[in-house]
Amino acid sequence: HQPGGTYEPGFVGIRFCQECNNMLYPKEDKENRILLYACRNCDYQQEADNSLIPIFHHLFSDTEIYIYVSQDPTLPRTEDHPCPK
């Protein structure tokens, strides 16, 4: 909030692939240490305007966790950390 000004929270829009119109997801370029937005359907990537992305936390109780969450295609995936089981 700036003195004499108004506070407007930044709008975090959804970005879409310019090739196939699917949603872009945040992705870290570890080698160059930059944030990208990448399509999960094709190879399209674009550099983020800034390196900050919002993180929303929602605490679930054990009874609220969806039983088929591992098969939800809308959730991000990583292969950087193999499952110990």
PDB file of N, CA and C in Angstrom:
ATOM      1  N   HIS A   1       0.845  -1.173   0.000  1.00  0.00           N
ATOM      2  CA  HIS A   1       0.000   0.000   0.000  1.00  0.00           C
ATOM      3  C   HIS A   1       0.888   1.232   0.000  1.00  0.00           C
ATOM      4  N   GLN A   2       0.670   2.128  -0.914  1.00  0.00           N
ATOM      5  CA  GLN A   2       1.453   3.351  -1.023  1.00  0.00           C
ATOM      6  C   GLN A   2       0.684   4.497  -0.392  1.00  0.00           C
ATOM      7  N   PRO A   3       1.368   5.395   0.356  1.00  0.00           N
ATOM      8  CA  PRO A   3       0.665   6.552   0.916  1.00  0.00           C
ATOM      9  C   PRO A   3       0.054   7.391  -0.205  1.00  0.00           C
ATOM     10  N   GLY A   4      -1.199   7.764  -0.048  1.00  0.00           N
ATOM     11  CA  GLY A   4      -1.875   8.575  -1.044  1.00  0.00           C
ATOM     12  C   GLY A   4      -2.327   7.799  -2.267  1.00  0.00           C
ATOM     13  N   GLY A   5      -2.026   6.531  -2.313  1.00  0.00           N
ATOM     14  CA  GLY A   5      -2.408   5.724  -3.469  1.00  0.00           C
ATOM     15  C   GLY A   5      -3.428   4.680  -3.075  1.00  0.00           C
ATOM     16  N   THR A   6      -3.794   3.873  -4.019  1.00  0.00           N
ATOM     17  CA  THR A   6      -4.729   2.790  -3.727  1.00  0.00           C
ATOM     18  C   THR A   6      -4.008   1.472  -3.904  1.00  0.00           C
ATOM     19  N   TYR A   7      -4.418   0.504  -3.152  1.00  0.00           N
ATOM     20  CA  TYR A   7      -3.823  -0.823  -3.238  1.00  0.00           C
ATOM     21  C   TYR A   7      -4.690  -1.683  -4.129  1.00  0.00           C
ATOM     22  N   GLU A   8      -4.093  -2.237  -5.158  1.00  0.00           N
ATOM     23  CA  GLU A   8      -4.805  -3.156  -6.036  1.00  0.00           C
ATOM     24  C   GLU A   8      -3.999  -4.436  -6.122  1.00  0.00           C
ATOM     25  N   PRO A   9      -4.530  -5.525  -5.592  1.00  0.00           N
ATOM     26  CA  PRO A   9      -3.790  -6.780  -5.700  1.00  0.00           C
ATOM     27  C   PRO A   9      -3.620  -7.164  -7.159  1.00  0.00           C
ATOM     28  N   GLY A  10      -2.466  -7.713  -7.480  1.00  0.00           N
ATOM     29  CA  GLY A  10      -2.199  -8.103  -8.858  1.00  0.00           C
ATOM     30  C   GLY A  10      -3.066  -9.269  -9.290  1.00  0.00           C
ATOM     31  N   PHE A  11      -3.553  -9.205 -10.502  1.00  0.00           N
ATOM     32  CA  PHE A  11      -4.350 -10.294 -11.045  1.00  0.00           C
ATOM     33  C   PHE A  11      -3.412 -11.349 -11.602  1.00  0.00           C
ATOM     34  N   VAL A  12      -3.596 -12.548 -11.170  1.00  0.00           N
ATOM     35  CA  VAL A  12      -2.800 -13.654 -11.674  1.00  0.00           C
ATOM     36  C   VAL A  12      -3.655 -14.369 -12.698  1.00  0.00           C
ATOM     37  N   GLY A  13      -3.377 -14.116 -13.960  1.00  0.00           N
ATOM     38  CA  GLY A  13      -4.166 -14.704 -15.023  1.00  0.00           C
ATOM     39  C   GLY A  13      -3.675 -16.088 -15.391  1.00  0.00           C
ATOM     40  N   ILE A  14      -4.488 -16.792 -16.097  1.00  0.00           N
ATOM     41  CA  ILE A  14      -4.106 -18.104 -16.611  1.00  0.00           C
ATOM     42  C   ILE A  14      -3.485 -17.889 -17.979  1.00  0.00           C
ATOM     43  N   ARG A  15      -2.352 -18.503 -18.201  1.00  0.00           N
ATOM     44  CA  ARG A  15      -1.672 -18.381 -19.494  1.00  0.00           C
ATOM     45  C   ARG A  15      -1.997 -19.607 -20.335  1.00  0.00           C
ATOM     46  N   PHE A  16      -2.090 -19.389 -21.646  1.00  0.00           N
ATOM     47  CA  PHE A  16      -2.421 -20.476 -22.559  1.00  0.00           C
ATOM     48  C   PHE A  16      -1.359 -20.611 -23.631  1.00  0.00           C
ATOM     49  N   CYS A  17      -1.147 -21.832 -24.074  1.00  0.00           N
ATOM     50  CA  CYS A  17      -0.166 -22.161 -25.105  1.00  0.00           C
ATOM     51  C   CYS A  17      -0.541 -21.493 -26.423  1.00  0.00           C
ATOM     52  N   GLN A  18       0.449 -20.883 -27.069  1.00  0.00           N
ATOM     53  CA  GLN A  18       0.210 -20.243 -28.362  1.00  0.00           C
ATOM     54  C   GLN A  18       0.129 -21.263 -29.494  1.00  0.00           C
ATOM     55  N   GLU A  19       0.551 -22.490 -29.229  1.00  0.00           N
ATOM     56  CA  GLU A  19       0.525 -23.538 -30.254  1.00  0.00           C
ATOM     57  C   GLU A  19      -0.773 -24.352 -30.226  1.00  0.00           C
ATOM     58  N   CYS A  20      -1.179 -24.796 -29.013  1.00  0.00           N
ATOM     59  CA  CYS A  20      -2.325 -25.711 -28.936  1.00  0.00           C
ATOM     60  C   CYS A  20      -3.425 -25.244 -27.983  1.00  0.00           C
ATOM     61  N   ASN A  21      -3.274 -24.059 -27.403  1.00  0.00           N
ATOM     62  CA  ASN A  21      -4.277 -23.446 -26.530  1.00  0.00           C
ATOM     63  C   ASN A  21      -4.540 -24.181 -25.219  1.00  0.00           C
ATOM     64  N   ASN A  22      -3.648 -25.074 -24.802  1.00  0.00           N
ATOM     65  CA  ASN A  22      -3.774 -25.692 -23.489  1.00  0.00           C
ATOM     66  C   ASN A  22      -3.185 -24.756 -22.441  1.00  0.00           C
ATOM     67  N   MET A  23      -3.520 -25.004 -21.183  1.00  0.00           N
ATOM     68  CA  MET A  23      -3.036 -24.156 -20.104  1.00  0.00           C
ATOM     69  C   MET A  23      -1.532 -24.350 -19.900  1.00  0.00           C
ATOM     70  N   LEU A  24      -0.830 -23.251 -19.596  1.00  0.00           N
ATOM     71  CA  LEU A  24       0.595 -23.307 -19.290  1.00  0.00           C
ATOM     72  C   LEU A  24       0.779 -23.413 -17.782  1.00  0.00           C
ATOM     73  N   TYR A  25       1.789 -24.176 -17.379  1.00  0.00           N
ATOM     74  CA  TYR A  25       2.073 -24.405 -15.968  1.00  0.00           C
ATOM     75  C   TYR A  25       3.456 -23.876 -15.635  1.00  0.00           C
ATOM     76  N   PRO A  26       3.661 -23.371 -14.403  1.00  0.00           N
ATOM     77  CA  PRO A  26       4.991 -22.907 -14.011  1.00  0.00           C
ATOM     78  C   PRO A  26       5.986 -24.061 -14.041  1.00  0.00           C
ATOM     79  N   LYS A  27       7.196 -23.765 -14.510  1.00  0.00           N
ATOM     80  CA  LYS A  27       8.246 -24.775 -14.601  1.00  0.00           C
ATOM     81  C   LYS A  27       9.579 -24.081 -14.361  1.00  0.00           C
ATOM     82  N   GLU A  28      10.421 -24.694 -13.555  1.00  0.00           N
ATOM     83  CA  GLU A  28      11.725 -24.119 -13.251  1.00  0.00           C
ATOM     84  C   GLU A  28      12.766 -24.600 -14.254  1.00  0.00           C
ATOM     85  N   ASP A  29      13.510 -23.672 -14.824  1.00  0.00           N
ATOM     86  CA  ASP A  29      14.685 -24.011 -15.627  1.00  0.00           C
ATOM     87  C   ASP A  29      15.855 -23.982 -14.656  1.00  0.00           C
ATOM     88  N   LYS A  30      16.224 -25.153 -14.140  1.00  0.00           N
ATOM     89  CA  LYS A  30      17.232 -25.236 -13.083  1.00  0.00           C
ATOM     90  C   LYS A  30      18.614 -24.824 -13.563  1.00  0.00           C
ATOM     91  N   GLU A  31      18.914 -25.101 -14.818  1.00  0.00           N
ATOM     92  CA  GLU A  31      20.231 -24.759 -15.350  1.00  0.00           C
ATOM     93  C   GLU A  31      20.421 -23.242 -15.437  1.00  0.00           C
ATOM     94  N   ASN A  32      19.411 -22.539 -15.949  1.00  0.00           N
ATOM     95  CA  ASN A  32      19.504 -21.086 -16.111  1.00  0.00           C
ATOM     96  C   ASN A  32      18.883 -20.312 -14.952  1.00  0.00           C
ATOM     97  N   ARG A  33      18.283 -21.045 -13.998  1.00  0.00           N
ATOM     98  CA  ARG A  33      17.672 -20.454 -12.813  1.00  0.00           C
ATOM     99  C   ARG A  33      16.636 -19.386 -13.166  1.00  0.00           C
ATOM    100  N   ILE A  34      15.709 -19.757 -14.056  1.00  0.00           N
ATOM    101  CA  ILE A  34      14.618 -18.862 -14.425  1.00  0.00           C
ATOM    102  C   ILE A  34      13.300 -19.620 -14.351  1.00  0.00           C
ATOM    103  N   LEU A  35      12.235 -18.866 -14.256  1.00  0.00           N
ATOM    104  CA  LEU A  35      10.902 -19.446 -14.233  1.00  0.00           C
ATOM    105  C   LEU A  35      10.317 -19.400 -15.629  1.00  0.00           C
ATOM    106  N   LEU A  36       9.781 -20.528 -16.057  1.00  0.00           N
ATOM    107  CA  LEU A  36       9.134 -20.629 -17.359  1.00  0.00           C
ATOM    108  C   LEU A  36       7.684 -21.025 -17.156  1.00  0.00           C
ATOM    109  N   TYR A  37       6.886 -20.804 -18.182  1.00  0.00           N
ATOM    110  CA  TYR A  37       5.556 -21.390 -18.254  1.00  0.00           C
ATOM    111  C   TYR A  37       5.601 -22.363 -19.417  1.00  0.00           C
ATOM    112  N   ALA A  38       5.218 -23.615 -19.160  1.00  0.00           N
ATOM    113  CA  ALA A  38       5.356 -24.666 -20.163  1.00  0.00           C
ATOM    114  C   ALA A  38       4.031 -25.375 -20.393  1.00  0.00           C
ATOM    115  N   CYS A  39       3.833 -25.782 -21.642  1.00  0.00           N
ATOM    116  CA  CYS A  39       2.658 -26.557 -22.019  1.00  0.00           C
ATOM    117  C   CYS A  39       2.941 -28.033 -21.745  1.00  0.00           C
ATOM    118  N   ARG A  40       1.970 -28.732 -21.222  1.00  0.00           N
ATOM    119  CA  ARG A  40       2.128 -30.170 -20.968  1.00  0.00           C
ATOM    120  C   ARG A  40       1.696 -31.012 -22.158  1.00  0.00           C
ATOM    121  N   ASN A  41       1.171 -30.356 -23.189  1.00  0.00           N
ATOM    122  CA  ASN A  41       0.694 -31.077 -24.356  1.00  0.00           C
ATOM    123  C   ASN A  41       1.700 -31.043 -25.506  1.00  0.00           C
ATOM    124  N   CYS A  42       2.417 -29.929 -25.629  1.00  0.00           N
ATOM    125  CA  CYS A  42       3.423 -29.798 -26.687  1.00  0.00           C
ATOM    126  C   CYS A  42       4.704 -29.237 -26.065  1.00  0.00           C
ATOM    127  N   ASP A  43       5.672 -28.857 -26.848  1.00  0.00           N
ATOM    128  CA  ASP A  43       6.956 -28.396 -26.323  1.00  0.00           C
ATOM    129  C   ASP A  43       7.028 -26.886 -26.105  1.00  0.00           C
ATOM    130  N   TYR A  44       5.909 -26.183 -26.218  1.00  0.00           N
ATOM    131  CA  TYR A  44       5.929 -24.724 -26.097  1.00  0.00           C
ATOM    132  C   TYR A  44       6.287 -24.292 -24.678  1.00  0.00           C
ATOM    133  N   GLN A  45       7.174 -23.285 -24.574  1.00  0.00           N
ATOM    134  CA  GLN A  45       7.554 -22.688 -23.298  1.00  0.00           C
ATOM    135  C   GLN A  45       7.722 -21.191 -23.495  1.00  0.00           C
ATOM    136  N   GLN A  46       7.463 -20.430 -22.440  1.00  0.00           N
ATOM    137  CA  GLN A  46       7.748 -19.003 -22.488  1.00  0.00           C
ATOM    138  C   GLN A  46       8.302 -18.587 -21.132  1.00  0.00           C
ATOM    139  N   GLU A  47       9.189 -17.610 -21.151  1.00  0.00           N
ATOM    140  CA  GLU A  47       9.775 -17.118 -19.914  1.00  0.00           C
ATOM    141  C   GLU A  47       8.731 -16.303 -19.159  1.00  0.00           C
ATOM    142  N   ALA A  48       8.712 -16.459 -17.849  1.00  0.00           N
ATOM    143  CA  ALA A  48       7.760 -15.725 -17.017  1.00  0.00           C
ATOM    144  C   ALA A  48       8.139 -14.251 -16.959  1.00  0.00           C
ATOM    145  N   ASP A  49       7.120 -13.395 -16.814  1.00  0.00           N
ATOM    146  CA  ASP A  49       7.358 -11.958 -16.698  1.00  0.00           C
ATOM    147  C   ASP A  49       8.189 -11.630 -15.465  1.00  0.00           C
ATOM    148  N   ASN A  50       7.936 -12.330 -14.389  1.00  0.00           N
ATOM    149  CA  ASN A  50       8.746 -12.190 -13.184  1.00  0.00           C
ATOM    150  C   ASN A  50       8.863 -13.562 -12.554  1.00  0.00           C
ATOM    151  N   SER A  51       9.727 -13.677 -11.573  1.00  0.00           N
ATOM    152  CA  SER A  51       9.986 -15.002 -11.010  1.00  0.00           C
ATOM    153  C   SER A  51       9.131 -15.305  -9.786  1.00  0.00           C
ATOM    154  N   LEU A  52       8.076 -14.550  -9.585  1.00  0.00           N
ATOM    155  CA  LEU A  52       7.193 -14.803  -8.456  1.00  0.00           C
ATOM    156  C   LEU A  52       5.887 -15.406  -8.941  1.00  0.00           C
ATOM    157  N   ILE A  53       5.482 -16.477  -8.292  1.00  0.00           N
ATOM    158  CA  ILE A  53       4.181 -17.066  -8.585  1.00  0.00           C
ATOM    159  C   ILE A  53       3.420 -17.181  -7.270  1.00  0.00           C
ATOM    160  N   PRO A  54       2.124 -17.021  -7.303  1.00  0.00           N
ATOM    161  CA  PRO A  54       1.364 -17.119  -6.056  1.00  0.00           C
ATOM    162  C   PRO A  54       1.278 -18.567  -5.594  1.00  0.00           C
ATOM    163  N   ILE A  55       1.300 -18.750  -4.299  1.00  0.00           N
ATOM    164  CA  ILE A  55       1.139 -20.076  -3.717  1.00  0.00           C
ATOM    165  C   ILE A  55      -0.063 -20.003  -2.790  1.00  0.00           C
ATOM    166  N   PHE A  56      -1.031 -20.838  -3.052  1.00  0.00           N
ATOM    167  CA  PHE A  56      -2.227 -20.870  -2.237  1.00  0.00           C
ATOM    168  C   PHE A  56      -2.193 -22.140  -1.399  1.00  0.00           C
ATOM    169  N   HIS A  57      -2.398 -21.985  -0.110  1.00  0.00           N
ATOM    170  CA  HIS A  57      -2.380 -23.125   0.797  1.00  0.00           C
ATOM    171  C   HIS A  57      -3.797 -23.396   1.288  1.00  0.00           C
ATOM    172  N   HIS A  58      -4.197 -24.634   1.213  1.00  0.00           N
ATOM    173  CA  HIS A  58      -5.476 -25.055   1.767  1.00  0.00           C
ATOM    174  C   HIS A  58      -5.192 -26.300   2.585  1.00  0.00           C
ATOM    175  N   LEU A  59      -5.503 -26.243   3.834  1.00  0.00           N
ATOM    176  CA  LEU A  59      -5.238 -27.383   4.705  1.00  0.00           C
ATOM    177  C   LEU A  59      -6.424 -28.338   4.671  1.00  0.00           C
ATOM    178  N   PHE A  60      -6.132 -29.579   4.384  1.00  0.00           N
ATOM    179  CA  PHE A  60      -7.152 -30.618   4.338  1.00  0.00           C
ATOM    180  C   PHE A  60      -6.986 -31.529   5.542  1.00  0.00           C
ATOM    181  N   SER A  61      -8.078 -32.012   6.038  1.00  0.00           N
ATOM    182  CA  SER A  61      -7.977 -33.074   7.021  1.00  0.00           C
ATOM    183  C   SER A  61      -7.836 -34.384   6.249  1.00  0.00           C
ATOM    184  N   ASP A  62      -7.422 -35.423   6.921  1.00  0.00           N
ATOM    185  CA  ASP A  62      -7.228 -36.713   6.254  1.00  0.00           C
ATOM    186  C   ASP A  62      -8.505 -37.216   5.590  1.00  0.00           C
ATOM    187  N   THR A  63      -9.647 -36.863   6.125  1.00  0.00           N
ATOM    188  CA  THR A  63     -10.901 -37.346   5.552  1.00  0.00           C
ATOM    189  C   THR A  63     -11.302 -36.568   4.309  1.00  0.00           C
ATOM    190  N   GLU A  64     -10.667 -35.406   4.073  1.00  0.00           N
ATOM    191  CA  GLU A  64     -11.019 -34.597   2.913  1.00  0.00           C
ATOM    192  C   GLU A  64     -10.172 -34.909   1.683  1.00  0.00           C
ATOM    193  N   ILE A  65      -9.107 -35.678   1.844  1.00  0.00           N
ATOM    194  CA  ILE A  65      -8.237 -35.973   0.707  1.00  0.00           C
ATOM    195  C   ILE A  65      -8.956 -36.931  -0.235  1.00  0.00           C
ATOM    196  N   TYR A  66      -9.023 -36.508  -1.477  1.00  0.00           N
ATOM    197  CA  TYR A  66      -9.710 -37.277  -2.503  1.00  0.00           C
ATOM    198  C   TYR A  66      -8.997 -38.612  -2.720  1.00  0.00           C
ATOM    199  N   ILE A  67      -9.713 -39.696  -2.696  1.00  0.00           N
ATOM    200  CA  ILE A  67      -9.134 -41.034  -2.773  1.00  0.00           C
ATOM    201  C   ILE A  67      -8.379 -41.278  -4.082  1.00  0.00           C
ATOM    202  N   TYR A  68      -8.779 -40.633  -5.177  1.00  0.00           N
ATOM    203  CA  TYR A  68      -8.138 -40.860  -6.467  1.00  0.00           C
ATOM    204  C   TYR A  68      -7.224 -39.704  -6.868  1.00  0.00           C
ATOM    205  N   VAL A  69      -6.683 -38.990  -5.901  1.00  0.00           N
ATOM    206  CA  VAL A  69      -5.869 -37.814  -6.199  1.00  0.00           C
ATOM    207  C   VAL A  69      -4.652 -38.159  -7.065  1.00  0.00           C
ATOM    208  N   SER A  70      -4.115 -39.352  -6.931  1.00  0.00           N
ATOM    209  CA  SER A  70      -2.937 -39.733  -7.725  1.00  0.00           C
ATOM    210  C   SER A  70      -3.255 -39.859  -9.206  1.00  0.00           C
ATOM    211  N   GLN A  71      -4.522 -39.977  -9.555  1.00  0.00           N
ATOM    212  CA  GLN A  71      -4.897 -40.112 -10.958  1.00  0.00           C
ATOM    213  C   GLN A  71      -5.553 -38.852 -11.519  1.00  0.00           C
ATOM    214  N   ASP A  72      -5.507 -37.748 -10.757  1.00  0.00           N
ATOM    215  CA  ASP A  72      -6.096 -36.487 -11.200  1.00  0.00           C
ATOM    216  C   ASP A  72      -5.174 -35.831 -12.229  1.00  0.00           C
ATOM    217  N   PRO A  73      -5.578 -35.728 -13.499  1.00  0.00           N
ATOM    218  CA  PRO A  73      -4.701 -35.182 -14.543  1.00  0.00           C
ATOM    219  C   PRO A  73      -4.469 -33.679 -14.421  1.00  0.00           C
ATOM    220  N   THR A  74      -5.233 -32.995 -13.568  1.00  0.00           N
ATOM    221  CA  THR A  74      -5.047 -31.549 -13.428  1.00  0.00           C
ATOM    222  C   THR A  74      -3.955 -31.188 -12.430  1.00  0.00           C
ATOM    223  N   LEU A  75      -3.452 -32.160 -11.679  1.00  0.00           N
ATOM    224  CA  LEU A  75      -2.413 -31.886 -10.689  1.00  0.00           C
ATOM    225  C   LEU A  75      -1.027 -31.989 -11.316  1.00  0.00           C
ATOM    226  N   PRO A  76      -0.092 -31.143 -10.858  1.00  0.00           N
ATOM    227  CA  PRO A  76       1.262 -31.187 -11.418  1.00  0.00           C
ATOM    228  C   PRO A  76       1.973 -32.481 -11.059  1.00  0.00           C
ATOM    229  N   ARG A  77       2.896 -32.872 -11.901  1.00  0.00           N
ATOM    230  CA  ARG A  77       3.669 -34.101 -11.715  1.00  0.00           C
ATOM    231  C   ARG A  77       5.157 -33.763 -11.745  1.00  0.00           C
ATOM    232  N   THR A  78       5.946 -34.573 -11.069  1.00  0.00           N
ATOM    233  CA  THR A  78       7.395 -34.426 -11.125  1.00  0.00           C
ATOM    234  C   THR A  78       8.037 -35.799 -11.087  1.00  0.00           C
ATOM    235  N   GLU A  79       9.173 -35.898 -11.721  1.00  0.00           N
ATOM    236  CA  GLU A  79       9.956 -37.131 -11.656  1.00  0.00           C
ATOM    237  C   GLU A  79      11.275 -36.873 -10.942  1.00  0.00           C
ATOM    238  N   ASP A  80      11.417 -35.668 -10.348  1.00  0.00           N
ATOM    239  CA  ASP A  80      12.638 -35.313  -9.627  1.00  0.00           C
ATOM    240  C   ASP A  80      12.786 -36.077  -8.318  1.00  0.00           C
ATOM    241  N   HIS A  81      11.663 -36.544  -7.763  1.00  0.00           N
ATOM    242  CA  HIS A  81      11.678 -37.229  -6.474  1.00  0.00           C
ATOM    243  C   HIS A  81      10.939 -38.556  -6.608  1.00  0.00           C
ATOM    244  N   PRO A  82      11.655 -39.654  -6.850  1.00  0.00           N
ATOM    245  CA  PRO A  82      10.972 -40.942  -7.015  1.00  0.00           C
ATOM    246  C   PRO A  82      10.257 -41.375  -5.732  1.00  0.00           C
ATOM    247  N   CYS A  83       9.155 -42.047  -5.912  1.00  0.00           N
ATOM    248  CA  CYS A  83       8.374 -42.550  -4.787  1.00  0.00           C
ATOM    249  C   CYS A  83       9.165 -43.640  -4.066  1.00  0.00           C
ATOM    250  N   PRO A  84       9.270 -43.575  -2.740  1.00  0.00           N
ATOM    251  CA  PRO A  84      10.043 -44.583  -2.015  1.00  0.00           C
ATOM    252  C   PRO A  84       9.363 -45.942  -1.956  1.00  0.00           C
ATOM    253  N   LYS A  85       8.083 -46.013  -2.325  1.00  0.00           N
ATOM    254  CA  LYS A  85       7.376 -47.302  -2.239  1.00  0.00           C
ATOM    255  C   LYS A  85       7.351 -47.985  -3.576  1.00  0.00           C
TER     256      LYS A  85
END
